[in-house]
C-alpha atoms as a PDB file:
ATOM      1  CA  MET A   1      -1.799  -4.432   8.849  1.00  0.00           C
ATOM      2  CA  LYS A   2      -4.802  -4.816  11.111  1.00  0.00           C
ATOM      3  CA  LEU A   3      -3.806  -2.629  14.051  1.00  0.00           C
ATOM      4  CA  LEU A   4      -5.466  -1.254  17.128  1.00  0.00           C
ATOM      5  CA  PRO A   5      -5.280   2.554  17.421  1.00  0.00           C
ATOM      6  CA  ALA A   6      -2.535   2.318  20.070  1.00  0.00           C
ATOM      7  CA  ALA A   7      -0.528   0.100  17.727  1.00  0.00           C
ATOM      8  CA  TRP A   8      -0.765   2.683  14.926  1.00  0.00           C
ATOM      9  CA  LYS A   9       1.009   5.075  17.264  1.00  0.00           C
ATOM     10  CA  LYS A  10       3.731   2.544  18.098  1.00  0.00           C
ATOM     11  CA  LEU A  11       4.254   1.603  14.470  1.00  0.00           C
ATOM     12  CA  GLY A  12       4.367   5.264  13.441  1.00  0.00           C
ATOM     13  CA  GLU A  13       7.138   5.945  15.945  1.00  0.00           C
ATOM     14  CA  VAL A  14       9.337   3.506  14.003  1.00  0.00           C
ATOM     15  CA  THR A  15       8.175   3.928  10.404  1.00  0.00           C
ATOM     16  CA  GLY A  16       6.836   7.462  10.293  1.00  0.00           C
ATOM     17  CA  PRO A  17       3.260   7.906   9.063  1.00  0.00           C
ATOM     18  CA  ALA A  18       3.757   5.841   5.885  1.00  0.00           C
ATOM     19  CA  LEU A  19       2.893   2.648   7.741  1.00  0.00           C
ATOM     20  CA  ARG A  20       4.380   0.054   5.395  1.00  0.00           C
ATOM     21  CA  PRO A  21       7.703  -1.466   4.333  1.00  0.00           C
ATOM     22  CA  GLY A  22       9.769   0.972   2.297  1.00  0.00           C
ATOM     23  CA  GLY A  23       7.644   3.941   3.325  1.00  0.00           C
ATOM     24  CA  LEU A  24       7.504   6.652   0.683  1.00  0.00           C
ATOM     25  CA  ALA A  25      10.563   5.356  -1.180  1.00  0.00           C
ATOM     26  CA  LEU A  26       8.460   2.865  -3.157  1.00  0.00           C
ATOM     27  CA  THR A  27       5.825   5.520  -3.845  1.00  0.00           C
ATOM     28  CA  GLN A  28       8.523   7.785  -5.267  1.00  0.00           C
ATOM     29  CA  ARG A  29       9.949   4.891  -7.255  1.00  0.00           C
ATOM     30  CA  ALA A  30       6.567   4.225  -8.847  1.00  0.00           C
ATOM     31  CA  LEU A  31       5.944   7.901  -9.599  1.00  0.00           C
ATOM     32  CA  GLN A  32       9.314   8.091 -11.344  1.00  0.00           C
ATOM     33  CA  PHE A  33       8.647   4.978 -13.398  1.00  0.00           C
ATOM     34  CA  CYS A  34       5.180   6.094 -14.511  1.00  0.00           C
ATOM     35  CA  SER A  35       6.290   9.630 -15.494  1.00  0.00           C
ATOM     36  CA  PHE A  36       2.825  11.115 -15.155  1.00  0.00           C
ATOM     37  CA  PRO A  37       2.159  14.522 -16.759  1.00  0.00           C
ATOM     38  CA  LEU A  38       1.654  17.274 -14.198  1.00  0.00           C
ATOM     39  CA  SER A  39      -2.024  17.396 -15.140  1.00  0.00           C
ATOM     40  CA  ALA A  40      -2.473  13.780 -13.994  1.00  0.00           C
ATOM     41  CA  LYS A  41      -5.179  12.809 -11.522  1.00  0.00           C
ATOM     42  CA  ILE A  42      -3.986  10.063  -9.184  1.00  0.00           C
ATOM     43  CA  ILE A  43      -5.988   8.061  -6.648  1.00  0.00           C
ATOM     44  CA  ASP A  44      -4.510   6.759  -3.417  1.00  0.00           C
ATOM     45  CA  ALA A  45      -6.851   3.822  -2.702  1.00  0.00           C
ATOM     46  CA  GLY A  46      -6.864   3.084   1.012  1.00  0.00           C
ATOM     47  CA  CYS A  47      -5.071   6.349   1.731  1.00  0.00           C
ATOM     48  CA  GLY A  48      -4.912   5.977   5.515  1.00  0.00           C
ATOM     49  CA  PRO A  49      -3.622   9.138   7.234  1.00  0.00           C
ATOM     50  CA  GLY A  50      -2.502  10.537   3.878  1.00  0.00           C
ATOM     51  CA  GLU A  51       1.272  10.383   3.636  1.00  0.00           C
ATOM     52  CA  SER A  52       1.286   9.154   0.029  1.00  0.00           C
ATOM     53  CA  LEU A  53      -1.417  11.700  -0.746  1.00  0.00           C
ATOM     54  CA  ARG A  54       0.887  14.361   0.632  1.00  0.00           C
ATOM     55  CA  LEU A  55       3.730  13.223  -1.632  1.00  0.00           C
ATOM     56  CA  ILE A  56       1.526  12.990  -4.732  1.00  0.00           C
ATOM     57  CA  SER A  57       0.232  16.519  -4.104  1.00  0.00           C
ATOM     58  CA  ALA A  58       3.757  17.840  -3.499  1.00  0.00           C
ATOM     59  CA  MET A  59       4.790  16.427  -6.880  1.00  0.00           C
ATOM     60  CA  GLY A  60       2.174  18.695  -8.470  1.00  0.00           C
ATOM     61  CA  TYR A  61      -0.456  16.093  -9.361  1.00  0.00           C
ATOM     62  CA  GLN A  62      -4.190  16.140  -8.656  1.00  0.00           C
ATOM     63  CA  ALA A  63      -4.376  13.805  -5.684  1.00  0.00           C
ATOM     64  CA  LEU A  64      -7.512  12.020  -4.484  1.00  0.00           C
ATOM     65  CA  GLY A  65      -7.479   9.891  -1.336  1.00  0.00           C
ATOM     66  CA  ILE A  66     -10.119   7.215  -0.776  1.00  0.00           C
ATOM     67  CA  ASP A  67     -10.591   5.237   2.426  1.00  0.00           C
ATOM     68  CA  CYS A  68     -13.517   3.464   4.094  1.00  0.00           C
ATOM     69  CA  ASP A  69     -12.458   4.833   7.491  1.00  0.00           C
ATOM     70  CA  PRO A  70     -13.919   8.337   8.111  1.00  0.00           C
ATOM     71  CA  GLN A  71     -11.252   9.140  10.679  1.00  0.00           C
ATOM     72  CA  MET A  72      -8.444   8.340   8.260  1.00  0.00           C
ATOM     73  CA  VAL A  73     -10.106  10.443   5.585  1.00  0.00           C
ATOM     74  CA  ARG A  74     -10.339  13.361   8.005  1.00  0.00           C
ATOM     75  CA  LEU A  75      -6.619  13.083   8.768  1.00  0.00           C
ATOM     76  CA  ALA A  76      -5.706  12.800   5.073  1.00  0.00           C
ATOM     77  CA  SER A  77      -7.893  15.719   3.983  1.00  0.00           C
ATOM     78  CA  SER A  78      -5.106  18.198   4.804  1.00  0.00           C
ATOM     79  CA  PHE A  79      -3.059  16.806   1.920  1.00  0.00           C
ATOM     80  CA  GLY A  80      -5.556  16.666  -0.926  1.00  0.00           C
ATOM     81  CA  GLU A  81      -9.097  15.869  -1.987  1.00  0.00           C
ATOM     82  CA  THR A  82     -10.556  12.919  -0.085  1.00  0.00           C
ATOM     83  CA  MET A  83     -13.713  10.832   0.061  1.00  0.00           C
ATOM     84  CA  VAL A  84     -15.095   8.099   2.295  1.00  0.00           C
ATOM     85  CA  ALA A  85     -15.742   4.995   0.195  1.00  0.00           C
ATOM     86  CA  PRO A  86     -14.713   1.345  -0.060  1.00  0.00           C
ATOM     87  CA  ILE A  87     -12.058   0.827  -2.712  1.00  0.00           C
ATOM     88  CA  GLU A  88     -14.254  -1.894  -4.213  1.00  0.00           C
ATOM     89  CA  GLN A  89     -16.846   0.806  -5.044  1.00  0.00           C
ATOM     90  CA  ILE A  90     -15.091   3.998  -6.108  1.00  0.00           C
ATOM     91  CA  PRO A  91     -17.673   6.745  -6.721  1.00  0.00           C
ATOM     92  CA  LEU A  92     -16.119   8.055  -9.945  1.00  0.00           C
ATOM     93  CA  PRO A  93     -17.093   7.728 -13.624  1.00  0.00           C
ATOM     94  CA  ASN A  94     -15.344   5.263 -15.911  1.00  0.00           C
ATOM     95  CA  GLY A  95     -11.928   6.194 -17.285  1.00  0.00           C
ATOM     96  CA  THR A  96     -11.365   9.363 -15.268  1.00  0.00           C
ATOM     97  CA  VAL A  97      -7.981   8.927 -13.528  1.00  0.00           C
ATOM     98  CA  ASP A  98      -4.424   8.617 -14.817  1.00  0.00           C
ATOM     99  CA  GLY A  99      -3.020   6.596 -11.941  1.00  0.00           C
ATOM    100  CA  LEU A 100      -4.172   4.538  -8.989  1.00  0.00           C
ATOM    101  CA  PHE A 101      -1.945   3.564  -6.059  1.00  0.00           C
ATOM    102  CA  CYS A 102      -2.917   0.711  -3.741  1.00  0.00           C
ATOM    103  CA  GLU A 103      -0.082   0.430  -1.231  1.00  0.00           C
ATOM    104  CA  CYS A 104      -0.175  -2.277   1.447  1.00  0.00           C
ATOM    105  CA  VAL A 105      -3.980  -2.349   1.192  1.00  0.00           C
ATOM    106  CA  LEU A 106      -5.020  -5.071  -1.260  1.00  0.00           C
ATOM    107  CA  ASN A 107      -4.290  -7.843   1.261  1.00  0.00           C
ATOM    108  CA  LEU A 108      -6.910  -6.294   3.543  1.00  0.00           C
ATOM    109  CA  VAL A 109      -9.647  -6.548   0.925  1.00  0.00           C
ATOM    110  CA  THR A 110     -11.918  -9.591   0.987  1.00  0.00           C
ATOM    111  CA  ASN A 111     -13.035  -9.349  -2.650  1.00  0.00           C
ATOM    112  CA  ARG A 112      -9.723  -8.652  -4.341  1.00  0.00           C
ATOM    113  CA  SER A 113     -10.958  -9.334  -7.879  1.00  0.00           C
ATOM    114  CA  ARG A 114     -13.780  -6.833  -7.416  1.00  0.00           C
ATOM    115  CA  ALA A 115     -11.334  -4.183  -6.223  1.00  0.00           C
ATOM    116  CA  LEU A 116      -8.964  -4.787  -9.143  1.00  0.00           C
ATOM    117  CA  THR A 117     -11.835  -4.667 -11.637  1.00  0.00           C
ATOM    118  CA  GLU A 118     -12.936  -1.378 -10.086  1.00  0.00           C
ATOM    119  CA  PHE A 119      -9.416  -0.016 -10.441  1.00  0.00           C
ATOM    120  CA  GLY A 120      -9.497  -0.856 -14.142  1.00  0.00           C
ATOM    121  CA  ARG A 121     -12.886   0.782 -14.540  1.00  0.00           C
ATOM    122  CA  VAL A 122     -11.803   4.196 -13.233  1.00  0.00           C
ATOM    123  CA  LEU A 123      -8.397   4.224 -14.947  1.00  0.00           C
ATOM    124  CA  LYS A 124      -8.012   5.855 -18.342  1.00  0.00           C
ATOM    125  CA  ASP A 125      -6.623   3.841 -21.224  1.00  0.00           C
ATOM    126  CA  GLY A 126      -2.868   4.150 -20.846  1.00  0.00           C
ATOM    127  CA  GLY A 127      -3.123   4.843 -17.119  1.00  0.00           C
ATOM    128  CA  PHE A 128      -1.055   3.098 -14.448  1.00  0.00           C
ATOM    129  CA  LEU A 129      -1.998   0.827 -11.563  1.00  0.00           C
ATOM    130  CA  VAL A 130       0.568   0.647  -8.749  1.00  0.00           C
ATOM    131  CA  VAL A 131       0.253  -2.147  -6.180  1.00  0.00           C
ATOM    132  CA  SER A 132       2.673  -2.861  -3.358  1.00  0.00           C
ATOM    133  CA  ASP A 133       2.029  -5.475  -0.690  1.00  0.00           C
ATOM    134  CA  LEU A 134       3.250  -8.463   1.261  1.00  0.00           C
ATOM    135  CA  ILE A 135       3.520 -11.721  -0.662  1.00  0.00           C
ATOM    136  CA  THR A 136       4.283 -15.286   0.347  1.00  0.00           C
ATOM    137  CA  ILE A 137       7.433 -16.867  -1.046  1.00  0.00           C
ATOM    138  CA  ALA A 138       8.782 -20.397  -1.276  1.00  0.00           C
ATOM    139  CA  GLN A 139      11.780 -21.298   0.839  1.00  0.00           C
ATOM    140  CA  GLY A 140      14.874 -20.091  -0.955  1.00  0.00           C
ATOM    141  CA  GLY A 141      13.711 -16.600  -1.832  1.00  0.00           C
ATOM    142  CA  PRO A 142      11.677 -14.651  -4.394  1.00  0.00           C
ATOM    143  CA  GLU A 143      11.781 -15.807  -7.982  1.00  0.00           C
ATOM    144  CA  GLY A 144      10.794 -14.101 -11.191  1.00  0.00           C
ATOM    145  CA  LEU A 145      11.161 -10.603  -9.774  1.00  0.00           C
ATOM    146  CA  SER A 146      13.187  -7.691 -11.065  1.00  0.00           C
ATOM    147  CA  ARG A 147      15.526  -6.167  -8.529  1.00  0.00           C
ATOM    148  CA  PRO A 148      15.041  -2.513  -7.526  1.00  0.00           C
ATOM    149  CA  GLY A 149      16.378  -0.234 -10.229  1.00  0.00           C
ATOM    150  CA  HIS A 150      15.713  -2.660 -13.091  1.00  0.00           C
ATOM    151  CA  THR A 151      12.775  -1.817 -15.324  1.00  0.00           C
ATOM    152  CA  ARG A 152      11.211  -3.537 -18.285  1.00  0.00           C
ATOM    153  CA  SER A 153      10.739  -0.348 -20.269  1.00  0.00           C
ATOM    154  CA  PRO A 154      12.497   3.042 -20.244  1.00  0.00           C
ATOM    155  CA  SER A 155      11.077   5.808 -18.123  1.00  0.00           C
ATOM    156  CA  GLN A 156      12.106   9.332 -17.161  1.00  0.00           C
ATOM    157  CA  PRO A 157      11.932  10.367 -13.493  1.00  0.00           C
ATOM    158  CA  SER A 158       9.198  12.748 -12.395  1.00  0.00           C
ATOM    159  CA  GLN A 159      10.240  15.920 -10.601  1.00  0.00           C
ATOM    160  CA  PRO A 160       8.426  17.800  -7.835  1.00  0.00           C
ATOM    161  CA  ALA A 161       6.447  20.773  -9.102  1.00  0.00           C
ATOM    162  CA  ASN A 162       8.308  24.100  -8.831  1.00  0.00           C
ATOM    163  CA  GLY A 163      11.246  22.360  -7.171  1.00  0.00           C
ATOM    164  CA  THR A 164       9.162  21.529  -4.093  1.00  0.00           C
ATOM    165  CA  GLU A 165      10.586  18.580  -2.175  1.00  0.00           C
ATOM    166  CA  PRO A 166       8.014  16.467  -0.355  1.00  0.00           C
ATOM    167  CA  THR A 167       8.372  16.516   3.418  1.00  0.00           C
ATOM    168  CA  HIS A 168       7.634  13.883   6.039  1.00  0.00           C
ATOM    169  CA  LEU A 169       5.551  14.136   9.188  1.00  0.00           C
ATOM    170  CA  ASN A 170       7.696  13.935  12.299  1.00  0.00           C
ATOM    171  CA  ILE A 171       7.265  11.517  15.209  1.00  0.00           C
ATOM    172  CA  SER A 172       5.184  13.930  17.286  1.00  0.00           C
ATOM    173  CA  GLN A 173       2.753  14.256  14.377  1.00  0.00           C
ATOM    174  CA  ALA A 174       2.634  10.474  14.051  1.00  0.00           C
ATOM    175  CA  GLN A 175       1.810  10.296  17.750  1.00  0.00           C
ATOM    176  CA  THR A 176      -0.956  12.833  17.152  1.00  0.00           C
ATOM    177  CA  ILE A 177      -2.418  10.520  14.512  1.00  0.00           C
ATOM    178  CA  GLY A 178      -2.447   7.669  17.025  1.00  0.00           C
ATOM    179  CA  SER A 179      -4.017   9.850  19.713  1.00  0.00           C
ATOM    180  CA  ALA A 180      -6.736  11.009  17.332  1.00  0.00           C
ATOM    181  CA  LEU A 181      -7.489   7.417  16.372  1.00  0.00           C
ATOM    182  CA  GLU A 182      -7.778   6.447  20.029  1.00  0.00           C
ATOM    183  CA  ALA A 183     -10.084   9.385  20.755  1.00  0.00           C
ATOM    184  CA  ASP A 184     -12.419   8.511  17.896  1.00  0.00           C
ATOM    185  CA  GLN A 185     -12.255   4.708  18.151  1.00  0.00           C
ATOM    186  CA  ALA A 186     -15.779   4.410  19.547  1.00  0.00           C
ATOM    187  CA  SER A 187     -17.261   6.440  16.687  1.00  0.00           C
ATOM    188  CA  LEU A 188     -15.839   4.121  14.018  1.00  0.00           C
ATOM    189  CA  GLY A 189     -17.667   0.998  15.145  1.00  0.00           C
ATOM    190  CA  SER A 190     -17.042  -2.499  13.837  1.00  0.00           C
ATOM    191  CA  SER A 191     -18.397  -1.869  10.326  1.00  0.00           C
ATOM    192  CA  GLN A 192     -15.064  -0.496   9.110  1.00  0.00           C
ATOM    193  CA  THR A 193     -13.299  -3.847   9.589  1.00  0.00           C
ATOM    194  CA  ALA A 194     -16.222  -6.156   8.803  1.00  0.00           C
ATOM    195  CA  GLY A 195     -15.314  -8.762   6.220  1.00  0.00           C
ATOM    196  CA  ARG A 196     -11.589  -8.031   6.366  1.00  0.00           C
ATOM    197  CA  PRO A 197      -9.081 -10.871   6.809  1.00  0.00           C
ATOM    198  CA  SER A 198      -8.774 -11.540  10.549  1.00  0.00           C
ATOM    199  CA  GLY A 199      -4.964 -11.670  10.452  1.00  0.00           C
ATOM    200  CA  GLY A 200      -4.541  -8.401   8.595  1.00  0.00           C
ATOM    201  CA  CYS A 201      -2.173  -8.058   5.655  1.00  0.00           C
ATOM    202  CA  VAL A 202      -0.172 -11.137   6.661  1.00  0.00           C
ATOM    203  CA  ALA A 203      -3.217 -13.421   6.520  1.00  0.00           C
ATOM    204  CA  GLY A 204      -4.308 -11.819   3.237  1.00  0.00           C
ATOM    205  CA  ALA A 205      -0.952 -12.312   1.484  1.00  0.00           C
ATOM    206  CA  VAL A 206      -0.754 -14.513  -1.625  1.00  0.00           C
ATOM    207  CA  SER A 207       2.154 -15.643  -3.779  1.00  0.00           C
ATOM    208  CA  ARG A 208       3.746 -13.467  -6.441  1.00  0.00           C
ATOM    209  CA  GLN A 209       2.251 -15.660  -9.154  1.00  0.00           C
ATOM    210  CA  ALA A 210      -1.222 -15.466  -7.610  1.00  0.00           C
ATOM    211  CA  LEU A 211      -1.036 -11.679  -7.272  1.00  0.00           C
ATOM    212  CA  THR A 212       0.185 -11.047 -10.802  1.00  0.00           C
ATOM    213  CA  SER A 213      -2.411 -13.499 -12.154  1.00  0.00           C
ATOM    214  CA  GLU A 214      -5.164 -11.640 -10.315  1.00  0.00           C
ATOM    215  CA  ILE A 215      -4.004  -8.346 -11.789  1.00  0.00           C
ATOM    216  CA  SER A 216      -3.779  -9.790 -15.310  1.00  0.00           C
ATOM    217  CA  GLU A 217      -7.188 -11.451 -15.047  1.00  0.00           C
ATOM    218  CA  ALA A 218      -8.682  -8.093 -14.058  1.00  0.00           C
ATOM    219  CA  GLY A 219      -7.670  -6.733 -17.477  1.00  0.00           C
ATOM    220  CA  PHE A 220      -4.184  -5.354 -16.847  1.00  0.00           C
ATOM    221  CA  GLU A 221      -0.841  -5.802 -18.560  1.00  0.00           C
ATOM    222  CA  ILE A 222       1.991  -5.929 -16.039  1.00  0.00           C
ATOM    223  CA  VAL A 223       4.952  -3.741 -16.994  1.00  0.00           C
ATOM    224  CA  LEU A 224       7.095  -4.005 -13.844  1.00  0.00           C
ATOM    225  CA  THR A 225       7.559  -6.285 -10.837  1.00  0.00           C
ATOM    226  CA  GLU A 226      10.228  -5.636  -8.211  1.00  0.00           C
ATOM    227  CA  ASP A 227      11.207  -7.489  -5.054  1.00  0.00           C
ATOM    228  CA  HIS A 228      11.632  -5.231  -2.020  1.00  0.00           C
ATOM    229  CA  ARG A 229      12.122  -7.847   0.646  1.00  0.00           C
ATOM    230  CA  PRO A 230      14.993  -5.861   2.251  1.00  0.00           C
ATOM    231  CA  ALA A 231      12.468  -3.122   3.094  1.00  0.00           C
ATOM    232  CA  LEU A 232      10.334  -5.680   4.944  1.00  0.00           C
ATOM    233  CA  THR A 233      13.344  -7.088   6.794  1.00  0.00           C
ATOM    234  CA  GLN A 234      14.523  -3.608   7.797  1.00  0.00           C
ATOM    235  CA  LEU A 235      11.073  -2.688   9.094  1.00  0.00           C
ATOM    236  CA  ALA A 236      10.790  -5.889  11.135  1.00  0.00           C
ATOM    237  CA  ALA A 237      14.289  -5.408  12.543  1.00  0.00           C
ATOM    238  CA  ALA A 238      13.465  -1.848  13.614  1.00  0.00           C
ATOM    239  CA  LEU A 239      10.224  -2.984  15.247  1.00  0.00           C
ATOM    240  CA  VAL A 240      11.892  -5.834  17.124  1.00  0.00           C
ATOM    241  CA  TRP A 241      14.642  -3.474  18.260  1.00  0.00           C
ATOM    242  CA  ALA A 242      12.025  -1.047  19.559  1.00  0.00           C
ATOM    243  CA  TYR A 243       9.437  -3.442  21.012  1.00  0.00           C
ATOM    244  CA  GLY A 244      10.960  -6.935  21.203  1.00  0.00           C
ATOM    245  CA  ARG A 245       9.824 -10.105  19.459  1.00  0.00           C
ATOM    246  CA  ASN A 246       6.569 -10.482  21.371  1.00  0.00           C
ATOM    247  CA  GLY A 247       5.796  -6.815  20.833  1.00  0.00           C
ATOM    248  CA  LEU A 248       6.190  -7.202  17.076  1.00  0.00           C
ATOM    249  CA  ALA A 249       3.808 -10.174  17.018  1.00  0.00           C
ATOM    250  CA  GLU A 250       1.188  -8.237  18.982  1.00  0.00           C
ATOM    251  CA  LEU A 251       1.695  -5.143  16.834  1.00  0.00           C
ATOM    252  CA  CYS A 252       1.116  -7.110  13.637  1.00  0.00           C
ATOM    253  CA  GLY A 253      -2.007  -8.763  15.017  1.00  0.00           C
ATOM    254  CA  LEU A 254      -0.461 -12.224  14.714  1.00  0.00           C
ATOM    255  CA  GLY A 255      -2.215 -15.018  16.565  1.00  0.00           C
ATOM    256  CA  GLY A 256      -0.716 -18.345  17.411  1.00  0.00           C
ATOM    257  CA  ASN A 257      -1.804 -19.852  14.075  1.00  0.00           C
ATOM    258  CA  GLN A 258      -0.775 -16.916  11.868  1.00  0.00           C
ATOM    259  CA  PRO A 259       2.516 -16.896   9.919  1.00  0.00           C
ATOM    260  CA  ASP A 260       5.226 -14.621  11.199  1.00  0.00           C
ATOM    261  CA  PRO A 261       6.062 -12.012   8.500  1.00  0.00           C
ATOM    262  CA  ILE A 262       9.780 -12.783   8.790  1.00  0.00           C
ATOM    263  CA  ARG A 263      10.172 -16.433   9.804  1.00  0.00           C
ATOM    264  CA  PRO A 264       7.893 -19.215  11.075  1.00  0.00           C
ATOM    265  CA  GLY A 265       7.565 -19.624  14.804  1.00  0.00           C
ATOM    266  CA  GLY A 266       8.917 -16.264  15.914  1.00  0.00           C
ATOM    267  CA  CYS A 267       9.640 -12.657  15.072  1.00  0.00           C
ATOM    268  CA  GLY A 268      13.247 -12.948  13.929  1.00  0.00           C
ATOM    269  CA  PHE A 269      15.143 -12.402  10.702  1.00  0.00           C
ATOM    270  CA  ASP A 270      16.400 -15.842   9.691  1.00  0.00           C
ATOM    271  CA  SER A 271      16.801 -15.285   5.948  1.00  0.00           C
ATOM    272  CA  SER A 272      17.098 -19.020   5.284  1.00  0.00           C
ATOM    273  CA  SER A 273      13.552 -19.667   6.505  1.00  0.00           C
ATOM    274  CA  SER A 274      11.779 -16.445   5.580  1.00  0.00           C
ATOM    275  CA  GLN A 275       8.374 -16.959   4.031  1.00  0.00           C
ATOM    276  CA  MET A 276       7.271 -13.401   3.247  1.00  0.00           C
ATOM    277  CA  SER A 277       8.480 -10.685   0.925  1.00  0.00           C
ATOM    278  CA  TYR A 278       7.286  -7.292  -0.277  1.00  0.00           C
ATOM    279  CA  ILE A 279       6.527  -6.602  -3.927  1.00  0.00           C
ATOM    280  CA  LEU A 280       5.978  -3.606  -6.166  1.00  0.00           C
ATOM    281  CA  VAL A 281       3.839  -4.233  -9.248  1.00  0.00           C
ATOM    282  CA  ILE A 282       3.029  -1.649 -11.922  1.00  0.00           C
ATOM    283  CA  ALA A 283       0.461  -2.444 -14.600  1.00  0.00           C
ATOM    284  CA  ARG A 284      -1.563  -0.742 -17.341  1.00  0.00           C
ATOM    285  CA  PRO A 285      -5.041  -1.495 -18.665  1.00  0.00           C
ATOM    286  CA  ASN A 286      -4.746  -4.092 -21.404  1.00  0.00           C
ATOM    287  CA  PRO A 287      -6.219  -2.595 -24.601  1.00  0.00           C
ATOM    288  CA  ASN A 288      -7.229  -6.086 -25.711  1.00  0.00           C
ATOM    289  CA  SER A 289      -9.408  -6.731 -22.671  1.00  0.00           C
ATOM    290  CA  LEU A 290     -13.075  -5.787 -22.509  1.00  0.00           C
ATOM    291  CA  LYS A 291     -13.632  -2.743 -20.311  1.00  0.00           C
ATOM    292  CA  PRO A 292     -16.978  -1.235 -19.206  1.00  0.00           C
ATOM    293  CA  LYS A 293     -17.848   1.996 -20.973  1.00  0.00           C
END
């Protein structure tokens, strides 16, 4: 979501530092499905303050966080290797990573096809792309999606290296992230958000069919789609409980002409009129598609 620094702090008080529906649960779900070898190198594209990077590192993988925001990269650097770069231009050679996670970030990218093509370029043959984000849905609910726990191919869960369980930042640490963002706001300038959708991830959301088509057209074969709308509903409910309906709208950067993430016309949870959901998509480079060498 497109948030002011103060809003990052407020959101973090409810969600923890993984500022998205489902938090780290969907990251863990994807890691289990992909069953990466411990030698795997995994990119977190749009890493933010680094909570997914922290989990990926704790699982024993080589983690690399990429974000266009220098302040976010500085915060994430405690949890793994990081670099400042737009995800549409990843400064790595072709075919060098085993996995790439893009969690609640793609909707913020203006040139989505360029980003997806770049993801395919840096992934090895047989690697995994993991995308999770808001999607628009027709009235009546998501269609064509697997429910959580249902996969299209067998997979063995990954385990943390040496029995190490990943830990979460606490609320005081999340508040520290918000304070640091506020302190350095002036140094970031407007270039970091230039060209981004003005309504944040809500305005950038597309339908399930459009998203999966984009991924396929970028040279990927989709192996899993899952609907995680309950995670979105739970997050919205927690935010409304904490800050009220108007507070949620302000927090999400919703203007008067932007769709509410839960229902049109207000920040409630009327399931009969919901128009947004949250999706997890896992894909692999299609061996039949042309890929730059």
